[in-house]
N, C-alpha and C. Protein backbone atom coordinates (compact mmCIF):
# COMPACT_ATOMS: atom_id res chain seq x y z
N MET A 1 0.84 -1.19 0.00
CA MET A 1 0.00 0.00 0.00
C MET A 1 0.88 1.25 0.00
N ALA A 2 0.59 2.20 -0.86
CA ALA A 2 1.35 3.44 -0.95
C ALA A 2 0.40 4.62 -0.76
N GLU A 3 0.90 5.68 -0.10
CA GLU A 3 0.07 6.85 0.15
C GLU A 3 0.93 8.07 0.42
N MET A 4 0.34 9.24 0.24
CA MET A 4 0.96 10.49 0.66
C MET A 4 0.48 10.81 2.07
N LEU A 5 1.37 11.25 2.92
CA LEU A 5 1.01 11.69 4.25
C LEU A 5 1.77 12.98 4.56
N ARG A 6 1.51 13.55 5.72
CA ARG A 6 2.18 14.78 6.12
C ARG A 6 3.05 14.49 7.33
N ILE A 7 4.25 15.08 7.34
CA ILE A 7 5.15 14.96 8.48
C ILE A 7 5.56 16.36 8.91
N ALA A 8 5.90 16.52 10.18
CA ALA A 8 6.23 17.83 10.73
C ALA A 8 7.69 18.17 10.46
N GLY A 9 7.94 19.38 9.98
CA GLY A 9 9.29 19.86 9.78
C GLY A 9 9.78 20.63 10.99
N ARG A 10 11.09 20.94 11.00
CA ARG A 10 11.70 21.66 12.11
C ARG A 10 11.08 23.04 12.31
N ASP A 11 10.66 23.66 11.19
CA ASP A 11 10.10 25.01 11.26
C ASP A 11 8.59 24.99 11.50
N MET A 12 8.06 23.82 11.94
CA MET A 12 6.63 23.63 12.20
C MET A 12 5.79 23.68 10.92
N HIS A 13 6.47 23.64 9.80
CA HIS A 13 5.78 23.59 8.51
C HIS A 13 5.71 22.13 8.08
N CYS A 14 4.51 21.59 7.96
CA CYS A 14 4.37 20.19 7.55
C CYS A 14 4.68 20.03 6.08
N ILE A 15 5.36 18.95 5.75
CA ILE A 15 5.66 18.65 4.36
C ILE A 15 5.06 17.29 4.00
N GLY A 16 4.93 17.05 2.71
CA GLY A 16 4.42 15.77 2.25
C GLY A 16 5.50 14.69 2.29
N ALA A 17 5.05 13.45 2.30
CA ALA A 17 5.97 12.32 2.24
C ALA A 17 5.23 11.16 1.59
N TYR A 18 5.93 10.47 0.68
CA TYR A 18 5.32 9.33 -0.01
C TYR A 18 5.79 8.06 0.67
N ARG A 19 4.86 7.29 1.19
CA ARG A 19 5.20 6.09 1.95
C ARG A 19 4.58 4.86 1.31
N ALA A 20 5.35 3.79 1.29
CA ALA A 20 4.85 2.50 0.81
C ALA A 20 5.19 1.43 1.84
N MET A 21 4.24 0.56 2.11
CA MET A 21 4.40 -0.48 3.13
C MET A 21 4.60 -1.83 2.46
N PRO A 22 5.42 -2.69 3.05
CA PRO A 22 5.58 -4.03 2.51
C PRO A 22 4.38 -4.90 2.86
N THR A 23 4.21 -5.97 2.14
CA THR A 23 3.21 -6.96 2.50
C THR A 23 3.93 -8.08 3.24
N GLY A 24 3.42 -8.47 4.38
CA GLY A 24 4.07 -9.52 5.14
C GLY A 24 5.21 -8.98 6.00
N PHE A 25 6.27 -9.77 6.10
CA PHE A 25 7.40 -9.46 6.98
C PHE A 25 8.04 -8.12 6.61
N CYS A 26 8.34 -7.30 7.62
CA CYS A 26 9.00 -6.01 7.41
C CYS A 26 10.46 -6.12 7.84
N ARG A 27 11.37 -5.86 6.92
CA ARG A 27 12.81 -5.97 7.20
C ARG A 27 13.37 -4.75 7.92
N GLY A 28 12.64 -3.64 7.94
CA GLY A 28 13.11 -2.40 8.54
C GLY A 28 12.53 -1.22 7.80
N GLY A 29 13.01 -0.03 8.14
CA GLY A 29 12.50 1.17 7.51
C GLY A 29 13.57 1.89 6.70
N LEU A 30 13.15 2.57 5.64
CA LEU A 30 14.06 3.33 4.79
C LEU A 30 13.50 4.71 4.52
N VAL A 31 14.35 5.72 4.69
CA VAL A 31 14.01 7.06 4.24
C VAL A 31 14.73 7.27 2.91
N ILE A 32 13.97 7.59 1.87
CA ILE A 32 14.50 7.75 0.52
C ILE A 32 14.66 9.23 0.21
N MET A 33 15.86 9.61 -0.22
CA MET A 33 16.14 11.01 -0.52
C MET A 33 16.06 11.26 -2.01
N GLN A 34 15.28 12.24 -2.38
CA GLN A 34 15.02 12.59 -3.77
C GLN A 34 16.24 13.19 -4.48
N GLU A 35 16.19 13.17 -5.79
CA GLU A 35 17.12 13.94 -6.62
C GLU A 35 16.67 15.41 -6.57
N ILE A 36 17.21 16.24 -7.45
CA ILE A 36 16.79 17.64 -7.49
C ILE A 36 15.45 17.82 -8.20
N PHE A 37 14.82 16.71 -8.59
CA PHE A 37 13.59 16.79 -9.39
C PHE A 37 12.32 16.56 -8.56
N GLY A 38 12.47 16.48 -7.25
CA GLY A 38 11.32 16.31 -6.39
C GLY A 38 10.92 14.85 -6.20
N VAL A 39 9.84 14.65 -5.47
CA VAL A 39 9.29 13.30 -5.29
C VAL A 39 8.42 13.01 -6.51
N ASN A 40 9.11 12.68 -7.60
CA ASN A 40 8.44 12.48 -8.88
C ASN A 40 8.16 11.00 -9.11
N ALA A 41 7.78 10.66 -10.34
CA ALA A 41 7.42 9.27 -10.65
C ALA A 41 8.57 8.31 -10.37
N HIS A 42 9.79 8.74 -10.66
CA HIS A 42 10.95 7.87 -10.40
C HIS A 42 11.12 7.60 -8.92
N ILE A 43 11.08 8.64 -8.10
CA ILE A 43 11.28 8.43 -6.67
C ILE A 43 10.14 7.62 -6.06
N ARG A 44 8.92 7.86 -6.54
CA ARG A 44 7.80 7.04 -6.04
C ARG A 44 8.01 5.57 -6.42
N ALA A 45 8.53 5.32 -7.61
CA ALA A 45 8.82 3.94 -8.02
C ALA A 45 9.92 3.33 -7.16
N VAL A 46 10.91 4.12 -6.80
CA VAL A 46 11.98 3.64 -5.92
C VAL A 46 11.40 3.25 -4.56
N VAL A 47 10.54 4.10 -4.01
CA VAL A 47 9.89 3.81 -2.73
C VAL A 47 9.12 2.50 -2.82
N GLU A 48 8.34 2.35 -3.87
CA GLU A 48 7.53 1.15 -4.04
C GLU A 48 8.42 -0.08 -4.25
N GLY A 49 9.54 0.11 -4.93
CA GLY A 49 10.46 -1.01 -5.15
C GLY A 49 11.06 -1.52 -3.85
N PHE A 50 11.42 -0.60 -2.95
CA PHE A 50 11.95 -1.05 -1.67
C PHE A 50 10.86 -1.67 -0.81
N ALA A 51 9.64 -1.18 -0.93
CA ALA A 51 8.54 -1.82 -0.20
C ALA A 51 8.33 -3.25 -0.69
N ALA A 52 8.45 -3.44 -2.01
CA ALA A 52 8.31 -4.79 -2.57
C ALA A 52 9.42 -5.71 -2.06
N ALA A 53 10.57 -5.12 -1.70
CA ALA A 53 11.69 -5.91 -1.17
C ALA A 53 11.57 -6.12 0.34
N GLY A 54 10.49 -5.62 0.95
CA GLY A 54 10.24 -5.89 2.35
C GLY A 54 10.47 -4.75 3.31
N TYR A 55 10.71 -3.55 2.80
CA TYR A 55 10.98 -2.41 3.66
C TYR A 55 9.81 -1.43 3.68
N CYS A 56 9.60 -0.82 4.84
CA CYS A 56 8.68 0.32 4.92
C CYS A 56 9.49 1.53 4.46
N ALA A 57 9.14 2.10 3.32
CA ALA A 57 9.93 3.15 2.71
C ALA A 57 9.14 4.45 2.62
N ILE A 58 9.85 5.57 2.83
CA ILE A 58 9.20 6.87 2.83
C ILE A 58 10.13 7.91 2.21
N ALA A 59 9.59 8.77 1.36
CA ALA A 59 10.37 9.81 0.69
C ALA A 59 9.80 11.16 1.07
N PRO A 60 10.49 11.94 1.91
CA PRO A 60 10.02 13.28 2.26
C PRO A 60 10.09 14.21 1.06
N ALA A 61 9.09 15.05 0.91
CA ALA A 61 9.06 16.04 -0.19
C ALA A 61 9.72 17.33 0.31
N PHE A 62 11.04 17.36 0.29
CA PHE A 62 11.78 18.48 0.86
C PHE A 62 11.39 19.83 0.26
N PHE A 63 11.04 19.83 -1.01
CA PHE A 63 10.71 21.10 -1.67
C PHE A 63 9.42 21.73 -1.16
N ASP A 64 8.64 20.96 -0.38
CA ASP A 64 7.40 21.52 0.17
C ASP A 64 7.67 22.70 1.10
N HIS A 65 8.89 22.84 1.60
CA HIS A 65 9.24 24.02 2.39
C HIS A 65 9.13 25.29 1.56
N ILE A 66 9.26 25.12 0.23
CA ILE A 66 9.26 26.27 -0.68
C ILE A 66 8.02 26.29 -1.55
N GLU A 67 7.70 25.15 -2.11
CA GLU A 67 6.57 25.03 -3.04
C GLU A 67 6.05 23.61 -2.98
N ASN A 68 4.74 23.45 -2.87
CA ASN A 68 4.16 22.12 -2.74
C ASN A 68 4.12 21.37 -4.06
N ASP A 69 4.23 20.05 -3.94
CA ASP A 69 3.99 19.12 -5.06
C ASP A 69 4.90 19.37 -6.26
N VAL A 70 6.16 19.61 -6.00
CA VAL A 70 7.12 19.83 -7.10
C VAL A 70 7.50 18.50 -7.73
N GLU A 71 7.29 18.40 -9.03
CA GLU A 71 7.75 17.25 -9.83
C GLU A 71 8.33 17.82 -11.12
N LEU A 72 9.64 17.67 -11.30
CA LEU A 72 10.32 18.28 -12.43
C LEU A 72 10.75 17.23 -13.45
N ASP A 73 10.83 17.67 -14.70
CA ASP A 73 11.28 16.79 -15.78
C ASP A 73 12.80 16.75 -15.83
N TYR A 74 13.33 15.70 -16.48
CA TYR A 74 14.77 15.54 -16.62
C TYR A 74 15.25 16.26 -17.88
N ASP A 75 15.09 17.56 -17.89
CA ASP A 75 15.54 18.38 -19.00
C ASP A 75 16.22 19.63 -18.45
N SER A 76 16.69 20.51 -19.32
CA SER A 76 17.45 21.67 -18.86
C SER A 76 16.60 22.57 -17.96
N THR A 77 15.30 22.69 -18.29
CA THR A 77 14.42 23.51 -17.45
C THR A 77 14.27 22.90 -16.07
N GLY A 78 14.07 21.59 -16.02
CA GLY A 78 13.93 20.91 -14.73
C GLY A 78 15.20 20.99 -13.91
N ILE A 79 16.35 20.84 -14.56
CA ILE A 79 17.63 20.93 -13.85
C ILE A 79 17.82 22.31 -13.25
N ALA A 80 17.55 23.34 -14.05
CA ALA A 80 17.72 24.72 -13.56
C ALA A 80 16.80 25.00 -12.38
N ARG A 81 15.54 24.57 -12.50
CA ARG A 81 14.58 24.80 -11.43
C ARG A 81 14.96 24.02 -10.17
N GLY A 82 15.38 22.77 -10.35
CA GLY A 82 15.77 21.95 -9.21
C GLY A 82 16.96 22.53 -8.47
N ARG A 83 17.95 23.00 -9.22
CA ARG A 83 19.12 23.60 -8.58
C ARG A 83 18.74 24.87 -7.81
N ALA A 84 17.83 25.64 -8.38
CA ALA A 84 17.38 26.85 -7.69
C ALA A 84 16.65 26.51 -6.39
N LEU A 85 15.86 25.46 -6.41
CA LEU A 85 15.11 25.06 -5.22
C LEU A 85 16.03 24.57 -4.11
N ILE A 86 17.01 23.74 -4.45
CA ILE A 86 17.88 23.24 -3.38
C ILE A 86 18.75 24.35 -2.81
N ALA A 87 19.02 25.38 -3.62
CA ALA A 87 19.79 26.52 -3.11
C ALA A 87 19.00 27.29 -2.05
N GLU A 88 17.68 27.20 -2.11
CA GLU A 88 16.83 27.90 -1.14
C GLU A 88 16.63 27.11 0.15
N LEU A 89 16.89 25.81 0.11
CA LEU A 89 16.63 24.98 1.28
C LEU A 89 17.70 25.17 2.36
N ASN A 90 17.27 25.08 3.59
CA ASN A 90 18.16 25.07 4.74
C ASN A 90 18.49 23.61 5.06
N LEU A 91 19.78 23.25 5.05
CA LEU A 91 20.15 21.86 5.27
C LEU A 91 19.74 21.36 6.65
N ASP A 92 19.73 22.24 7.64
CA ASP A 92 19.26 21.81 8.96
C ASP A 92 17.80 21.40 8.91
N ASP A 93 17.00 22.12 8.11
CA ASP A 93 15.60 21.74 7.94
C ASP A 93 15.48 20.39 7.25
N VAL A 94 16.33 20.19 6.23
CA VAL A 94 16.28 18.93 5.47
C VAL A 94 16.63 17.74 6.36
N ILE A 95 17.68 17.86 7.16
CA ILE A 95 18.06 16.76 8.04
C ILE A 95 16.98 16.54 9.10
N ALA A 96 16.36 17.62 9.57
CA ALA A 96 15.23 17.46 10.50
C ALA A 96 14.08 16.70 9.84
N ASP A 97 13.85 16.96 8.55
CA ASP A 97 12.81 16.24 7.81
C ASP A 97 13.13 14.75 7.75
N VAL A 98 14.41 14.43 7.57
CA VAL A 98 14.81 13.02 7.54
C VAL A 98 14.48 12.37 8.89
N GLY A 99 14.80 13.07 9.97
CA GLY A 99 14.48 12.54 11.29
C GLY A 99 12.99 12.38 11.50
N SER A 100 12.21 13.34 11.00
CA SER A 100 10.76 13.26 11.13
C SER A 100 10.21 12.08 10.32
N ALA A 101 10.75 11.88 9.12
CA ALA A 101 10.32 10.75 8.30
C ALA A 101 10.68 9.43 8.97
N ALA A 102 11.88 9.38 9.56
CA ALA A 102 12.29 8.17 10.27
C ALA A 102 11.34 7.89 11.44
N ASN A 103 10.94 8.93 12.15
CA ASN A 103 9.99 8.75 13.25
C ASN A 103 8.64 8.24 12.76
N ALA A 104 8.25 8.66 11.55
CA ALA A 104 6.96 8.26 11.01
C ALA A 104 6.90 6.77 10.69
N ILE A 105 8.06 6.15 10.51
CA ILE A 105 8.10 4.71 10.20
C ILE A 105 8.87 3.95 11.28
N ALA A 106 8.96 4.52 12.48
CA ALA A 106 9.76 3.92 13.55
C ALA A 106 9.30 2.52 13.90
N SER A 107 8.02 2.24 13.73
CA SER A 107 7.50 0.92 14.07
C SER A 107 8.06 -0.18 13.17
N ALA A 108 8.71 0.21 12.06
CA ALA A 108 9.28 -0.78 11.14
C ALA A 108 10.53 -1.43 11.71
N GLY A 109 11.13 -0.82 12.73
CA GLY A 109 12.37 -1.36 13.29
C GLY A 109 13.54 -0.45 13.01
N LYS A 110 14.70 -1.01 12.72
CA LYS A 110 15.88 -0.21 12.41
C LYS A 110 15.65 0.57 11.12
N ILE A 111 16.21 1.78 11.08
CA ILE A 111 16.00 2.69 9.96
C ILE A 111 17.32 2.95 9.24
N GLY A 112 17.27 2.94 7.91
CA GLY A 112 18.40 3.34 7.08
C GLY A 112 17.96 4.39 6.09
N VAL A 113 18.90 4.91 5.32
CA VAL A 113 18.59 5.92 4.32
C VAL A 113 19.25 5.56 3.00
N VAL A 114 18.56 5.93 1.92
CA VAL A 114 19.09 5.74 0.57
C VAL A 114 18.81 7.02 -0.20
N GLY A 115 19.84 7.60 -0.84
CA GLY A 115 19.64 8.84 -1.56
C GLY A 115 20.29 8.84 -2.92
N TYR A 116 19.75 9.66 -3.81
CA TYR A 116 20.18 9.70 -5.21
C TYR A 116 20.52 11.13 -5.61
N CYS A 117 21.67 11.32 -6.27
CA CYS A 117 22.09 12.63 -6.77
C CYS A 117 22.21 13.58 -5.57
N TRP A 118 21.52 14.71 -5.57
CA TRP A 118 21.53 15.58 -4.40
C TRP A 118 21.13 14.81 -3.15
N GLY A 119 20.17 13.93 -3.29
CA GLY A 119 19.76 13.09 -2.17
C GLY A 119 20.84 12.15 -1.69
N GLY A 120 21.79 11.81 -2.58
CA GLY A 120 22.92 11.00 -2.15
C GLY A 120 23.76 11.72 -1.12
N THR A 121 23.90 13.04 -1.28
CA THR A 121 24.61 13.83 -0.28
C THR A 121 23.80 13.97 1.00
N ILE A 122 22.48 14.10 0.87
CA ILE A 122 21.64 14.15 2.07
C ILE A 122 21.73 12.83 2.83
N ALA A 123 21.85 11.72 2.11
CA ALA A 123 22.02 10.42 2.77
C ALA A 123 23.33 10.41 3.57
N LEU A 124 24.42 10.90 2.98
CA LEU A 124 25.68 10.96 3.70
C LEU A 124 25.56 11.84 4.95
N LEU A 125 24.94 13.00 4.81
CA LEU A 125 24.74 13.89 5.95
C LEU A 125 23.87 13.25 7.03
N SER A 126 22.91 12.45 6.63
CA SER A 126 22.05 11.76 7.60
C SER A 126 22.85 10.73 8.38
N ALA A 127 23.80 10.10 7.71
CA ALA A 127 24.68 9.16 8.41
C ALA A 127 25.57 9.90 9.41
N ILE A 128 26.09 11.05 8.98
CA ILE A 128 26.98 11.84 9.84
C ILE A 128 26.23 12.42 11.03
N ARG A 129 25.08 13.02 10.80
CA ARG A 129 24.38 13.77 11.84
C ARG A 129 23.38 12.94 12.64
N LEU A 130 22.80 11.93 12.00
CA LEU A 130 21.76 11.14 12.67
C LEU A 130 22.21 9.72 12.98
N GLY A 131 23.37 9.33 12.46
CA GLY A 131 23.89 8.00 12.73
C GLY A 131 23.15 6.87 12.03
N LEU A 132 22.49 7.17 10.91
CA LEU A 132 21.71 6.16 10.19
C LEU A 132 22.55 5.50 9.10
N PRO A 133 22.52 4.17 9.00
CA PRO A 133 23.20 3.51 7.89
C PRO A 133 22.73 4.10 6.57
N ALA A 134 23.68 4.38 5.66
CA ALA A 134 23.33 5.17 4.48
C ALA A 134 23.91 4.58 3.20
N VAL A 135 23.09 4.62 2.16
CA VAL A 135 23.51 4.28 0.80
C VAL A 135 23.39 5.54 -0.04
N SER A 136 24.50 5.95 -0.62
CA SER A 136 24.56 7.21 -1.38
C SER A 136 24.87 6.90 -2.84
N TYR A 137 23.91 7.24 -3.72
CA TYR A 137 24.11 7.08 -5.16
C TYR A 137 24.55 8.41 -5.76
N TYR A 138 25.68 8.40 -6.42
CA TYR A 138 26.24 9.53 -7.19
C TYR A 138 25.97 10.91 -6.57
N GLY A 139 26.40 11.04 -5.32
CA GLY A 139 26.25 12.33 -4.63
C GLY A 139 27.41 13.26 -4.98
N SER A 140 27.20 14.13 -5.94
CA SER A 140 28.29 14.98 -6.43
C SER A 140 28.71 16.03 -5.41
N ARG A 141 27.88 16.28 -4.40
CA ARG A 141 28.21 17.28 -3.38
C ARG A 141 28.81 16.64 -2.13
N ASN A 142 29.07 15.35 -2.16
CA ASN A 142 29.60 14.66 -0.99
C ASN A 142 30.93 15.20 -0.51
N VAL A 143 31.78 15.62 -1.45
CA VAL A 143 33.16 15.96 -1.09
C VAL A 143 33.23 17.08 -0.05
N ALA A 144 32.23 17.93 0.00
CA ALA A 144 32.23 19.03 0.97
C ALA A 144 32.12 18.53 2.40
N TRP A 145 31.71 17.27 2.58
CA TRP A 145 31.45 16.74 3.92
C TRP A 145 32.35 15.57 4.28
N LEU A 146 33.31 15.26 3.45
CA LEU A 146 34.11 14.07 3.68
C LEU A 146 35.08 14.21 4.85
N ASP A 147 35.30 15.43 5.32
CA ASP A 147 36.21 15.61 6.46
C ASP A 147 35.50 15.44 7.80
N GLN A 148 34.20 15.14 7.76
CA GLN A 148 33.46 14.96 9.01
C GLN A 148 33.35 13.49 9.36
N ALA A 149 33.54 13.20 10.63
CA ALA A 149 33.47 11.81 11.09
C ALA A 149 32.05 11.27 10.92
N CYS A 150 31.98 9.99 10.59
CA CYS A 150 30.67 9.36 10.40
C CYS A 150 30.58 8.12 11.28
N PRO A 151 29.58 8.06 12.16
CA PRO A 151 29.44 6.92 13.07
C PRO A 151 28.69 5.74 12.46
N ALA A 152 28.17 5.90 11.26
CA ALA A 152 27.28 4.89 10.69
C ALA A 152 27.91 4.19 9.48
N PRO A 153 27.45 2.99 9.15
CA PRO A 153 27.93 2.30 7.95
C PRO A 153 27.54 3.07 6.68
N LEU A 154 28.43 3.02 5.68
CA LEU A 154 28.22 3.75 4.44
C LEU A 154 28.44 2.85 3.23
N GLN A 155 27.66 3.10 2.20
CA GLN A 155 27.87 2.46 0.90
C GLN A 155 27.68 3.52 -0.17
N PHE A 156 28.64 3.61 -1.10
CA PHE A 156 28.60 4.61 -2.16
C PHE A 156 28.54 3.92 -3.53
N HIS A 157 27.77 4.53 -4.45
CA HIS A 157 27.69 4.05 -5.84
C HIS A 157 27.99 5.22 -6.77
N PHE A 158 28.91 5.00 -7.71
CA PHE A 158 29.31 6.04 -8.65
C PHE A 158 29.38 5.48 -10.07
N GLY A 159 29.22 6.37 -11.04
CA GLY A 159 29.43 6.02 -12.44
C GLY A 159 30.81 6.49 -12.88
N ALA A 160 31.57 5.60 -13.51
CA ALA A 160 32.92 5.96 -13.94
C ALA A 160 32.91 7.06 -14.99
N ASN A 161 31.79 7.21 -15.70
CA ASN A 161 31.68 8.21 -16.75
C ASN A 161 30.92 9.46 -16.32
N ASP A 162 30.79 9.64 -15.01
CA ASP A 162 30.06 10.78 -14.46
C ASP A 162 31.00 11.98 -14.39
N ALA A 163 30.80 12.96 -15.27
CA ALA A 163 31.68 14.12 -15.32
C ALA A 163 31.62 14.96 -14.05
N SER A 164 30.51 14.87 -13.32
CA SER A 164 30.37 15.68 -12.10
C SER A 164 31.09 15.07 -10.91
N ILE A 165 31.53 13.82 -11.02
CA ILE A 165 32.24 13.15 -9.93
C ILE A 165 33.48 12.46 -10.52
N PRO A 166 34.58 13.18 -10.68
CA PRO A 166 35.78 12.61 -11.29
C PRO A 166 36.41 11.53 -10.40
N ALA A 167 37.34 10.79 -10.98
CA ALA A 167 37.96 9.67 -10.27
C ALA A 167 38.63 10.11 -8.98
N GLU A 168 39.23 11.31 -8.97
CA GLU A 168 39.89 11.76 -7.75
C GLU A 168 38.89 12.02 -6.62
N ALA A 169 37.67 12.44 -6.98
CA ALA A 169 36.65 12.64 -5.96
C ALA A 169 36.21 11.30 -5.37
N ILE A 170 36.09 10.28 -6.21
CA ILE A 170 35.75 8.95 -5.73
C ILE A 170 36.83 8.43 -4.79
N GLU A 171 38.09 8.67 -5.16
CA GLU A 171 39.20 8.23 -4.32
C GLU A 171 39.18 8.92 -2.96
N ARG A 172 38.75 10.16 -2.94
CA ARG A 172 38.65 10.88 -1.66
C ARG A 172 37.65 10.21 -0.72
N HIS A 173 36.60 9.62 -1.29
CA HIS A 173 35.64 8.87 -0.46
C HIS A 173 36.34 7.68 0.19
N ARG A 174 37.15 6.97 -0.58
CA ARG A 174 37.86 5.81 -0.03
C ARG A 174 38.82 6.23 1.08
N GLN A 175 39.51 7.32 0.88
CA GLN A 175 40.48 7.78 1.87
C GLN A 175 39.79 8.30 3.13
N ALA A 176 38.69 9.02 2.96
CA ALA A 176 37.99 9.60 4.11
C ALA A 176 37.26 8.54 4.92
N HIS A 177 36.73 7.52 4.23
CA HIS A 177 35.94 6.48 4.90
C HIS A 177 36.43 5.10 4.47
N PRO A 178 37.59 4.68 4.99
CA PRO A 178 38.20 3.42 4.53
C PRO A 178 37.35 2.19 4.80
N HIS A 179 36.41 2.28 5.72
CA HIS A 179 35.57 1.11 6.01
C HIS A 179 34.27 1.11 5.20
N ALA A 180 34.06 2.15 4.41
CA ALA A 180 32.85 2.22 3.59
C ALA A 180 32.99 1.35 2.35
N GLU A 181 31.86 0.95 1.80
CA GLU A 181 31.84 0.25 0.51
C GLU A 181 31.75 1.31 -0.59
N VAL A 182 32.67 1.25 -1.54
CA VAL A 182 32.67 2.19 -2.66
C VAL A 182 32.62 1.38 -3.95
N HIS A 183 31.55 1.53 -4.70
CA HIS A 183 31.36 0.77 -5.94
C HIS A 183 31.31 1.72 -7.13
N VAL A 184 31.99 1.35 -8.20
CA VAL A 184 32.04 2.17 -9.41
C VAL A 184 31.57 1.32 -10.59
N TYR A 185 30.73 1.92 -11.43
CA TYR A 185 30.10 1.20 -12.54
C TYR A 185 30.46 1.84 -13.88
N PRO A 186 30.42 1.09 -14.96
CA PRO A 186 30.71 1.65 -16.29
C PRO A 186 29.50 2.43 -16.82
N ALA A 187 29.21 3.55 -16.15
CA ALA A 187 27.98 4.30 -16.44
C ALA A 187 28.21 5.77 -16.11
N GLY A 188 27.19 6.59 -16.43
CA GLY A 188 27.25 8.00 -16.15
C GLY A 188 26.43 8.38 -14.93
N HIS A 189 26.19 9.67 -14.76
CA HIS A 189 25.41 10.17 -13.63
C HIS A 189 23.94 9.77 -13.81
N GLY A 190 23.30 9.39 -12.72
CA GLY A 190 21.89 9.03 -12.78
C GLY A 190 21.62 7.68 -13.40
N PHE A 191 22.60 6.78 -13.35
CA PHE A 191 22.45 5.50 -14.05
C PHE A 191 21.33 4.62 -13.49
N ASN A 192 20.86 4.93 -12.27
CA ASN A 192 19.80 4.13 -11.67
C ASN A 192 18.40 4.52 -12.12
N CYS A 193 18.27 5.66 -12.81
CA CYS A 193 16.95 6.20 -13.14
C CYS A 193 16.57 5.91 -14.59
N ALA A 194 15.49 5.17 -14.79
CA ALA A 194 15.06 4.79 -16.14
C ALA A 194 14.56 5.97 -16.95
N LEU A 195 14.33 7.10 -16.32
CA LEU A 195 13.84 8.29 -17.02
C LEU A 195 14.97 9.19 -17.51
N ARG A 196 16.21 8.82 -17.20
CA ARG A 196 17.34 9.66 -17.55
C ARG A 196 18.14 9.05 -18.70
N ALA A 197 18.81 9.91 -19.46
CA ALA A 197 19.58 9.44 -20.62
C ALA A 197 20.70 8.51 -20.21
N ASP A 198 21.24 8.66 -19.00
CA ASP A 198 22.35 7.84 -18.54
C ASP A 198 21.91 6.54 -17.88
N PHE A 199 20.64 6.22 -17.96
CA PHE A 199 20.17 4.97 -17.36
C PHE A 199 20.95 3.79 -17.91
N ASP A 200 21.46 2.97 -17.00
CA ASP A 200 22.22 1.78 -17.38
C ASP A 200 21.62 0.58 -16.63
N PRO A 201 20.80 -0.23 -17.29
CA PRO A 201 20.09 -1.30 -16.58
C PRO A 201 20.99 -2.27 -15.84
N ALA A 202 22.11 -2.67 -16.46
CA ALA A 202 23.00 -3.63 -15.81
C ALA A 202 23.60 -3.04 -14.54
N SER A 203 24.06 -1.80 -14.62
CA SER A 203 24.64 -1.15 -13.44
C SER A 203 23.58 -0.94 -12.36
N ALA A 204 22.38 -0.54 -12.77
CA ALA A 204 21.30 -0.32 -11.80
C ALA A 204 20.94 -1.61 -11.08
N THR A 205 20.89 -2.71 -11.82
CA THR A 205 20.55 -4.00 -11.22
C THR A 205 21.60 -4.43 -10.21
N LEU A 206 22.88 -4.30 -10.58
CA LEU A 206 23.96 -4.69 -9.67
C LEU A 206 23.99 -3.78 -8.44
N ALA A 207 23.79 -2.48 -8.65
CA ALA A 207 23.78 -1.55 -7.52
C ALA A 207 22.63 -1.86 -6.57
N ARG A 208 21.47 -2.20 -7.12
CA ARG A 208 20.32 -2.54 -6.26
C ARG A 208 20.64 -3.81 -5.45
N GLN A 209 21.24 -4.80 -6.08
CA GLN A 209 21.60 -6.02 -5.37
C GLN A 209 22.54 -5.71 -4.20
N ARG A 210 23.55 -4.89 -4.47
CA ARG A 210 24.50 -4.53 -3.42
C ARG A 210 23.83 -3.69 -2.33
N THR A 211 22.90 -2.83 -2.73
CA THR A 211 22.16 -2.03 -1.76
C THR A 211 21.34 -2.92 -0.84
N LEU A 212 20.63 -3.87 -1.40
CA LEU A 212 19.80 -4.76 -0.59
C LEU A 212 20.66 -5.62 0.34
N GLU A 213 21.83 -6.04 -0.11
CA GLU A 213 22.73 -6.81 0.74
C GLU A 213 23.23 -5.95 1.90
N PHE A 214 23.57 -4.70 1.62
CA PHE A 214 24.01 -3.76 2.66
C PHE A 214 22.90 -3.55 3.68
N LEU A 215 21.69 -3.32 3.20
CA LEU A 215 20.56 -3.08 4.11
C LEU A 215 20.27 -4.31 4.96
N ALA A 216 20.36 -5.49 4.37
CA ALA A 216 20.12 -6.71 5.13
C ALA A 216 21.14 -6.87 6.26
N ARG A 217 22.38 -6.48 6.00
CA ARG A 217 23.42 -6.58 7.03
C ARG A 217 23.20 -5.59 8.18
N HIS A 218 22.69 -4.40 7.86
CA HIS A 218 22.69 -3.33 8.86
C HIS A 218 21.32 -3.00 9.44
N LEU A 219 20.26 -3.49 8.84
CA LEU A 219 18.92 -3.21 9.36
C LEU A 219 18.28 -4.41 10.01
N GLY A 220 18.80 -5.60 9.78
CA GLY A 220 18.22 -6.74 10.44
C GLY A 220 18.13 -7.95 9.54
N PRO A 221 17.75 -9.08 10.09
CA PRO A 221 17.73 -10.33 9.34
C PRO A 221 16.58 -10.41 8.36
N SER A 222 16.73 -11.24 7.36
CA SER A 222 15.66 -11.53 6.42
C SER A 222 14.67 -12.48 7.09
N PRO A 223 13.47 -12.60 6.52
CA PRO A 223 12.48 -13.52 7.11
C PRO A 223 12.94 -14.97 6.97
């Protein structure tokens, strides 16, 4: 079952969140972090996909702090608008939203986070500030936070052909977090999203397998 609900933000402004529940055994809870395009069809499909894998998954609509129901296309207009929106967001508010979303699914058990693109960096920050096990997909803004200690397990996914994340930036992840899993695929930025030009099905499938294995290790046993 999937639905939109409201969660409380740090500024007392409620935002939307898309939640999907598993059928049967629940392996744990996941907070899903959006790209710069909002909680769009792709992110809703990601939420539903993790629910199908046994997790209670929820994606906070961070842009609701600025404008409700933002869903942007994967084109130059959508990119420009998405970048403008994230520039307006307060990161403390965003991390508070992650905590609020985690509280909304607390009954699921242990909570982890998975983020994509800009959301990949929010996933890393959630691991640093909230101590939640985190999977970060192609977070091009991660490097700004790599000097901060992280108490939680980390897994990173990158595309070798991603111009926004050069090889030296990937290596910095390995050096900053030697115990983290760092995976690199023969793909570009956004390789996990079927709506993007860089979608790479083989890389997306392997990354999902590794993500589910990571979550099984850190959120609890399988049924």
